[in-house]
Amino acid sequence: MAQIDHIGIAVKSLTAAKSIYEKLGLGVSSEETVEQERVRVVMVPVGESRLELLEATSEDSAIAKFIAKRGEGLHHVCLRVPNLTEAVARMKKDGVRLVSEQIKVGAGGHRYVFVHPSSAGGVLLELVEAQETQP
């Protein structure tokens, strides 16, 4: 069964963005860089899910382009699925448009793939594979 893993939020500055969550008394993970996506991220646990704050490390990253076009804010919703390989195969078979059909490894070692907004009601949808423990 799929569950919400995290909600991705594009920000200009991790330092500025994470301060509101710290003021609320929430824990904020240490920064991690995801080189292939050209972003720095922190995770903010909230209940059984997390907020992922994303800061661009390059002007040509997807996050930099998103902020230039739309400003800071909600970037994507991420669902945790039991078997990512099976989910991707099923979606491809059913004609779902993926941003990339290649499963990648991102922050925290999670395997992930993005579903194009045109196939997900206008929302960029990320799928990650469930792991034994979630931070």
N, C-alpha and C. Protein backbone atom coordinates (compact mmCIF):
# COMPACT_ATOMS: atom_id res chain seq x y z
N MET A 1 0.84 -1.18 0.00
CA MET A 1 0.00 0.00 0.00
C MET A 1 0.89 1.25 0.00
N ALA A 2 0.58 2.20 -0.83
CA ALA A 2 1.35 3.44 -0.90
C ALA A 2 1.01 4.34 0.28
N GLN A 3 2.02 5.10 0.71
CA GLN A 3 1.86 6.08 1.78
C GLN A 3 2.58 7.36 1.36
N ILE A 4 2.18 8.49 1.95
CA ILE A 4 2.91 9.72 1.68
C ILE A 4 4.26 9.63 2.37
N ASP A 5 5.33 9.74 1.59
CA ASP A 5 6.68 9.72 2.14
C ASP A 5 7.09 11.13 2.54
N HIS A 6 6.94 12.07 1.59
CA HIS A 6 7.27 13.45 1.89
C HIS A 6 6.62 14.39 0.88
N ILE A 7 6.66 15.67 1.22
CA ILE A 7 6.20 16.74 0.34
C ILE A 7 7.41 17.61 0.06
N GLY A 8 7.75 17.79 -1.22
CA GLY A 8 8.91 18.58 -1.61
C GLY A 8 8.55 20.05 -1.77
N ILE A 9 9.37 20.90 -1.17
CA ILE A 9 9.15 22.34 -1.22
C ILE A 9 10.40 23.02 -1.76
N ALA A 10 10.27 23.72 -2.87
CA ALA A 10 11.39 24.45 -3.48
C ALA A 10 11.61 25.75 -2.73
N VAL A 11 12.87 25.99 -2.33
CA VAL A 11 13.20 27.20 -1.57
C VAL A 11 14.45 27.85 -2.15
N LYS A 12 14.55 29.15 -1.97
CA LYS A 12 15.75 29.86 -2.42
C LYS A 12 16.91 29.62 -1.46
N SER A 13 16.61 29.49 -0.17
CA SER A 13 17.64 29.34 0.85
C SER A 13 17.20 28.33 1.90
N LEU A 14 17.96 27.26 2.06
CA LEU A 14 17.66 26.29 3.12
C LEU A 14 17.75 26.94 4.49
N THR A 15 18.74 27.77 4.68
CA THR A 15 18.94 28.42 5.98
C THR A 15 17.70 29.22 6.37
N ALA A 16 17.20 30.02 5.45
CA ALA A 16 16.02 30.83 5.74
C ALA A 16 14.78 29.96 5.90
N ALA A 17 14.61 28.99 5.02
CA ALA A 17 13.40 28.17 5.00
C ALA A 17 13.28 27.27 6.22
N LYS A 18 14.39 26.69 6.65
CA LYS A 18 14.28 25.73 7.76
C LYS A 18 14.06 26.41 9.10
N SER A 19 14.31 27.70 9.20
CA SER A 19 14.18 28.40 10.49
C SER A 19 12.75 28.36 11.03
N ILE A 20 11.75 28.45 10.17
CA ILE A 20 10.36 28.42 10.66
C ILE A 20 10.04 27.07 11.31
N TYR A 21 10.58 26.00 10.75
CA TYR A 21 10.32 24.67 11.31
C TYR A 21 11.06 24.48 12.62
N GLU A 22 12.26 25.03 12.70
CA GLU A 22 13.02 24.98 13.95
C GLU A 22 12.30 25.79 15.03
N LYS A 23 11.73 26.94 14.66
CA LYS A 23 10.99 27.76 15.62
C LYS A 23 9.74 27.05 16.11
N LEU A 24 9.21 26.13 15.30
CA LEU A 24 8.05 25.33 15.71
C LEU A 24 8.47 24.15 16.58
N GLY A 25 9.78 24.00 16.79
CA GLY A 25 10.28 22.91 17.62
C GLY A 25 10.45 21.60 16.88
N LEU A 26 10.42 21.64 15.55
CA LEU A 26 10.59 20.43 14.76
C LEU A 26 12.07 20.19 14.49
N GLY A 27 12.45 18.94 14.42
CA GLY A 27 13.82 18.60 14.08
C GLY A 27 14.06 18.78 12.59
N VAL A 28 15.24 19.17 12.25
CA VAL A 28 15.62 19.34 10.84
C VAL A 28 16.90 18.53 10.63
N SER A 29 16.89 17.69 9.60
CA SER A 29 18.06 16.86 9.32
C SER A 29 19.24 17.72 8.88
N SER A 30 20.41 17.13 8.87
CA SER A 30 21.55 17.84 8.31
C SER A 30 21.39 17.92 6.80
N GLU A 31 22.07 18.88 6.19
CA GLU A 31 21.97 19.07 4.74
C GLU A 31 22.64 17.92 4.01
N GLU A 32 22.03 17.56 2.88
CA GLU A 32 22.59 16.53 2.00
C GLU A 32 22.52 17.08 0.59
N THR A 33 23.56 16.83 -0.21
CA THR A 33 23.57 17.26 -1.60
C THR A 33 23.29 16.07 -2.49
N VAL A 34 22.37 16.26 -3.43
CA VAL A 34 22.06 15.24 -4.44
C VAL A 34 22.62 15.78 -5.75
N GLU A 35 23.82 15.30 -6.09
CA GLU A 35 24.56 15.85 -7.23
C GLU A 35 23.80 15.77 -8.55
N GLN A 36 23.18 14.60 -8.87
CA GLN A 36 22.53 14.46 -10.18
C GLN A 36 21.31 15.36 -10.33
N GLU A 37 20.72 15.78 -9.22
CA GLU A 37 19.58 16.71 -9.29
C GLU A 37 20.02 18.16 -9.07
N ARG A 38 21.28 18.36 -8.70
CA ARG A 38 21.85 19.68 -8.45
C ARG A 38 21.03 20.45 -7.39
N VAL A 39 20.85 19.76 -6.24
CA VAL A 39 20.13 20.35 -5.12
C VAL A 39 20.78 19.98 -3.79
N ARG A 40 20.51 20.83 -2.80
CA ARG A 40 20.79 20.50 -1.40
C ARG A 40 19.43 20.32 -0.75
N VAL A 41 19.34 19.35 0.16
CA VAL A 41 18.06 19.07 0.79
C VAL A 41 18.22 18.91 2.30
N VAL A 42 17.14 19.21 3.00
CA VAL A 42 16.98 18.84 4.40
C VAL A 42 15.59 18.25 4.53
N MET A 43 15.46 17.35 5.49
CA MET A 43 14.17 16.73 5.77
C MET A 43 13.67 17.20 7.13
N VAL A 44 12.37 17.45 7.20
CA VAL A 44 11.73 17.87 8.44
C VAL A 44 10.64 16.85 8.75
N PRO A 45 10.88 15.95 9.72
CA PRO A 45 9.86 14.97 10.07
C PRO A 45 8.62 15.65 10.64
N VAL A 46 7.46 15.25 10.13
CA VAL A 46 6.18 15.76 10.61
C VAL A 46 5.23 14.56 10.68
N GLY A 47 4.94 14.11 11.88
CA GLY A 47 4.11 12.91 12.03
C GLY A 47 4.78 11.72 11.38
N GLU A 48 4.02 11.01 10.56
CA GLU A 48 4.56 9.84 9.87
C GLU A 48 5.14 10.19 8.50
N SER A 49 5.18 11.47 8.17
CA SER A 49 5.70 11.91 6.89
C SER A 49 6.83 12.91 7.12
N ARG A 50 7.25 13.57 6.06
CA ARG A 50 8.32 14.57 6.16
C ARG A 50 8.09 15.68 5.14
N LEU A 51 8.68 16.82 5.41
CA LEU A 51 8.78 17.88 4.42
C LEU A 51 10.21 17.85 3.92
N GLU A 52 10.40 17.96 2.61
CA GLU A 52 11.73 18.00 2.02
C GLU A 52 11.92 19.40 1.46
N LEU A 53 12.88 20.14 2.03
CA LEU A 53 13.19 21.47 1.55
C LEU A 53 14.32 21.34 0.54
N LEU A 54 14.14 21.90 -0.65
CA LEU A 54 15.09 21.75 -1.76
C LEU A 54 15.63 23.10 -2.19
N GLU A 55 16.95 23.23 -2.18
CA GLU A 55 17.63 24.45 -2.63
C GLU A 55 18.51 24.09 -3.83
N ALA A 56 18.41 24.85 -4.89
CA ALA A 56 19.21 24.61 -6.10
C ALA A 56 20.68 24.88 -5.83
N THR A 57 21.54 24.05 -6.43
CA THR A 57 22.99 24.30 -6.36
C THR A 57 23.52 24.78 -7.71
N SER A 58 22.63 24.86 -8.70
CA SER A 58 23.01 25.28 -10.04
C SER A 58 21.83 25.98 -10.69
N GLU A 59 22.12 26.99 -11.50
CA GLU A 59 21.06 27.74 -12.19
C GLU A 59 20.28 26.88 -13.18
N ASP A 60 20.87 25.76 -13.63
CA ASP A 60 20.18 24.92 -14.61
C ASP A 60 19.51 23.71 -13.97
N SER A 61 19.40 23.69 -12.64
CA SER A 61 18.70 22.58 -11.98
C SER A 61 17.19 22.76 -12.11
N ALA A 62 16.47 21.66 -11.96
CA ALA A 62 15.00 21.71 -12.03
C ALA A 62 14.43 22.64 -10.97
N ILE A 63 15.04 22.66 -9.78
CA ILE A 63 14.54 23.52 -8.71
C ILE A 63 14.76 24.99 -9.04
N ALA A 64 15.93 25.35 -9.58
CA ALA A 64 16.19 26.75 -9.97
C ALA A 64 15.20 27.19 -11.04
N LYS A 65 14.95 26.33 -12.02
CA LYS A 65 14.00 26.65 -13.10
C LYS A 65 12.59 26.79 -12.54
N PHE A 66 12.22 25.90 -11.62
CA PHE A 66 10.89 25.96 -11.00
C PHE A 66 10.70 27.29 -10.27
N ILE A 67 11.69 27.68 -9.45
CA ILE A 67 11.59 28.92 -8.68
C ILE A 67 11.56 30.13 -9.61
N ALA A 68 12.35 30.10 -10.69
CA ALA A 68 12.35 31.22 -11.64
C ALA A 68 10.98 31.39 -12.29
N LYS A 69 10.31 30.28 -12.54
CA LYS A 69 9.02 30.32 -13.23
C LYS A 69 7.84 30.53 -12.27
N ARG A 70 7.87 29.88 -11.12
CA ARG A 70 6.70 29.86 -10.23
C ARG A 70 6.95 30.46 -8.85
N GLY A 71 8.22 30.68 -8.51
CA GLY A 71 8.55 31.13 -7.16
C GLY A 71 8.68 29.95 -6.21
N GLU A 72 9.02 30.25 -4.98
CA GLU A 72 9.16 29.21 -3.98
C GLU A 72 7.80 28.56 -3.70
N GLY A 73 7.84 27.30 -3.26
CA GLY A 73 6.59 26.66 -2.87
C GLY A 73 6.57 25.17 -3.17
N LEU A 74 5.37 24.61 -3.10
CA LEU A 74 5.17 23.18 -3.29
C LEU A 74 5.73 22.74 -4.64
N HIS A 75 6.64 21.79 -4.62
CA HIS A 75 7.26 21.29 -5.84
C HIS A 75 6.72 19.92 -6.23
N HIS A 76 6.62 19.00 -5.27
CA HIS A 76 6.14 17.65 -5.58
C HIS A 76 5.59 16.96 -4.35
N VAL A 77 4.84 15.90 -4.61
CA VAL A 77 4.34 15.00 -3.57
C VAL A 77 5.00 13.66 -3.83
N CYS A 78 5.49 13.04 -2.76
CA CYS A 78 6.20 11.77 -2.90
C CYS A 78 5.44 10.66 -2.18
N LEU A 79 5.20 9.58 -2.91
CA LEU A 79 4.57 8.39 -2.33
C LEU A 79 5.59 7.28 -2.17
N ARG A 80 5.50 6.57 -1.07
CA ARG A 80 6.35 5.40 -0.80
C ARG A 80 5.57 4.17 -1.25
N VAL A 81 6.19 3.38 -2.13
CA VAL A 81 5.55 2.16 -2.65
C VAL A 81 6.39 0.95 -2.24
N PRO A 82 5.75 -0.22 -2.11
CA PRO A 82 6.49 -1.40 -1.65
C PRO A 82 7.56 -1.88 -2.63
N ASN A 83 7.29 -1.79 -3.93
CA ASN A 83 8.24 -2.28 -4.93
C ASN A 83 8.27 -1.31 -6.10
N LEU A 84 9.30 -0.48 -6.16
CA LEU A 84 9.38 0.56 -7.17
C LEU A 84 9.52 -0.01 -8.57
N THR A 85 10.30 -1.06 -8.73
CA THR A 85 10.50 -1.67 -10.05
C THR A 85 9.17 -2.15 -10.62
N GLU A 86 8.36 -2.82 -9.80
CA GLU A 86 7.04 -3.28 -10.25
C GLU A 86 6.12 -2.11 -10.56
N ALA A 87 6.15 -1.07 -9.73
CA ALA A 87 5.29 0.09 -9.95
C ALA A 87 5.64 0.78 -11.27
N VAL A 88 6.93 0.94 -11.56
CA VAL A 88 7.36 1.57 -12.81
C VAL A 88 6.94 0.72 -14.01
N ALA A 89 7.13 -0.58 -13.94
CA ALA A 89 6.74 -1.48 -15.04
C ALA A 89 5.23 -1.39 -15.29
N ARG A 90 4.45 -1.37 -14.22
CA ARG A 90 2.99 -1.29 -14.35
C ARG A 90 2.58 0.05 -14.98
N MET A 91 3.21 1.13 -14.55
CA MET A 91 2.87 2.45 -15.10
C MET A 91 3.24 2.54 -16.58
N LYS A 92 4.42 2.04 -16.93
CA LYS A 92 4.82 2.06 -18.35
C LYS A 92 3.85 1.25 -19.19
N LYS A 93 3.45 0.10 -18.69
CA LYS A 93 2.50 -0.77 -19.41
C LYS A 93 1.16 -0.04 -19.60
N ASP A 94 0.77 0.75 -18.60
CA ASP A 94 -0.51 1.46 -18.65
C ASP A 94 -0.42 2.82 -19.34
N GLY A 95 0.75 3.16 -19.90
CA GLY A 95 0.89 4.41 -20.65
C GLY A 95 1.08 5.66 -19.82
N VAL A 96 1.47 5.49 -18.56
CA VAL A 96 1.73 6.65 -17.70
C VAL A 96 3.04 7.30 -18.14
N ARG A 97 3.03 8.62 -18.26
CA ARG A 97 4.23 9.35 -18.67
C ARG A 97 5.13 9.58 -17.46
N LEU A 98 6.38 9.16 -17.58
CA LEU A 98 7.37 9.36 -16.53
C LEU A 98 8.34 10.45 -16.96
N VAL A 99 8.87 11.20 -16.01
CA VAL A 99 9.88 12.22 -16.33
C VAL A 99 11.11 11.51 -16.88
N SER A 100 11.48 10.41 -16.25
CA SER A 100 12.57 9.55 -16.72
C SER A 100 12.20 8.13 -16.35
N GLU A 101 12.40 7.20 -17.26
CA GLU A 101 12.07 5.81 -16.96
C GLU A 101 13.16 5.13 -16.15
N GLN A 102 14.28 5.81 -15.96
CA GLN A 102 15.39 5.26 -15.18
C GLN A 102 15.16 5.52 -13.70
N ILE A 103 15.24 4.47 -12.89
CA ILE A 103 15.15 4.62 -11.45
C ILE A 103 16.50 5.16 -10.97
N LYS A 104 16.45 6.22 -10.17
CA LYS A 104 17.67 6.87 -9.68
C LYS A 104 17.78 6.69 -8.17
N VAL A 105 18.95 7.02 -7.63
CA VAL A 105 19.17 6.98 -6.19
C VAL A 105 19.40 8.40 -5.72
N GLY A 106 18.64 8.82 -4.70
CA GLY A 106 18.73 10.20 -4.24
C GLY A 106 19.07 10.31 -2.77
N ALA A 107 18.56 11.37 -2.15
CA ALA A 107 18.84 11.67 -0.75
C ALA A 107 18.50 10.48 0.13
N GLY A 108 19.38 10.20 1.08
CA GLY A 108 19.14 9.10 2.00
C GLY A 108 19.27 7.73 1.37
N GLY A 109 19.76 7.67 0.11
CA GLY A 109 19.90 6.39 -0.57
C GLY A 109 18.61 5.83 -1.13
N HIS A 110 17.56 6.64 -1.14
CA HIS A 110 16.26 6.19 -1.65
C HIS A 110 16.28 6.04 -3.17
N ARG A 111 15.69 4.96 -3.65
CA ARG A 111 15.47 4.76 -5.09
C ARG A 111 14.19 5.52 -5.44
N TYR A 112 14.22 6.27 -6.56
CA TYR A 112 13.06 7.10 -6.90
C TYR A 112 12.87 7.24 -8.41
N VAL A 113 11.67 7.65 -8.77
CA VAL A 113 11.32 8.01 -10.14
C VAL A 113 10.21 9.07 -10.04
N PHE A 114 10.15 9.94 -11.05
CA PHE A 114 9.11 10.97 -11.07
C PHE A 114 8.08 10.66 -12.15
N VAL A 115 6.80 10.84 -11.80
CA VAL A 115 5.69 10.74 -12.75
C VAL A 115 5.41 12.15 -13.25
N HIS A 116 5.31 12.31 -14.56
CA HIS A 116 5.09 13.62 -15.16
C HIS A 116 3.73 14.17 -14.72
N PRO A 117 3.65 15.49 -14.47
CA PRO A 117 2.38 16.09 -14.07
C PRO A 117 1.23 15.83 -15.04
N SER A 118 1.53 15.65 -16.32
CA SER A 118 0.46 15.40 -17.29
C SER A 118 -0.25 14.06 -17.05
N SER A 119 0.38 13.18 -16.31
CA SER A 119 -0.24 11.89 -15.97
C SER A 119 -0.71 11.83 -14.52
N ALA A 120 -0.55 12.92 -13.79
CA ALA A 120 -0.88 12.90 -12.35
C ALA A 120 -1.70 14.12 -11.93
N GLY A 121 -2.64 14.51 -12.76
CA GLY A 121 -3.54 15.60 -12.40
C GLY A 121 -2.85 16.93 -12.18
N GLY A 122 -1.75 17.17 -12.90
CA GLY A 122 -1.05 18.45 -12.80
C GLY A 122 -0.05 18.53 -11.66
N VAL A 123 0.15 17.42 -10.94
CA VAL A 123 1.09 17.39 -9.82
C VAL A 123 2.31 16.57 -10.20
N LEU A 124 3.50 17.08 -9.91
CA LEU A 124 4.70 16.28 -10.07
C LEU A 124 4.69 15.26 -8.94
N LEU A 125 4.68 13.99 -9.29
CA LEU A 125 4.57 12.91 -8.32
C LEU A 125 5.87 12.12 -8.31
N GLU A 126 6.47 12.01 -7.15
CA GLU A 126 7.67 11.21 -6.99
C GLU A 126 7.27 9.91 -6.32
N LEU A 127 7.86 8.82 -6.76
CA LEU A 127 7.66 7.52 -6.12
C LEU A 127 9.00 7.07 -5.56
N VAL A 128 9.02 6.63 -4.31
CA VAL A 128 10.22 6.06 -3.71
C VAL A 128 9.88 4.66 -3.21
N GLU A 129 10.92 3.85 -3.16
CA GLU A 129 10.72 2.49 -2.68
C GLU A 129 10.80 2.46 -1.17
N ALA A 130 9.86 1.74 -0.55
CA ALA A 130 9.84 1.60 0.90
C ALA A 130 11.14 0.96 1.37
N GLN A 131 11.63 1.43 2.49
CA GLN A 131 12.80 0.84 3.14
C GLN A 131 12.38 0.33 4.49
N GLU A 132 13.21 -0.47 5.10
CA GLU A 132 12.88 -1.05 6.41
C GLU A 132 12.56 0.02 7.44
N THR A 133 13.38 1.09 7.48
CA THR A 133 13.15 2.17 8.43
C THR A 133 13.13 3.48 7.67
N GLN A 134 12.26 4.37 8.07
CA GLN A 134 12.17 5.70 7.48
C GLN A 134 12.63 6.71 8.52
N PRO A 135 13.56 7.62 8.15
CA PRO A 135 14.01 8.62 9.11
C PRO A 135 12.91 9.59 9.50
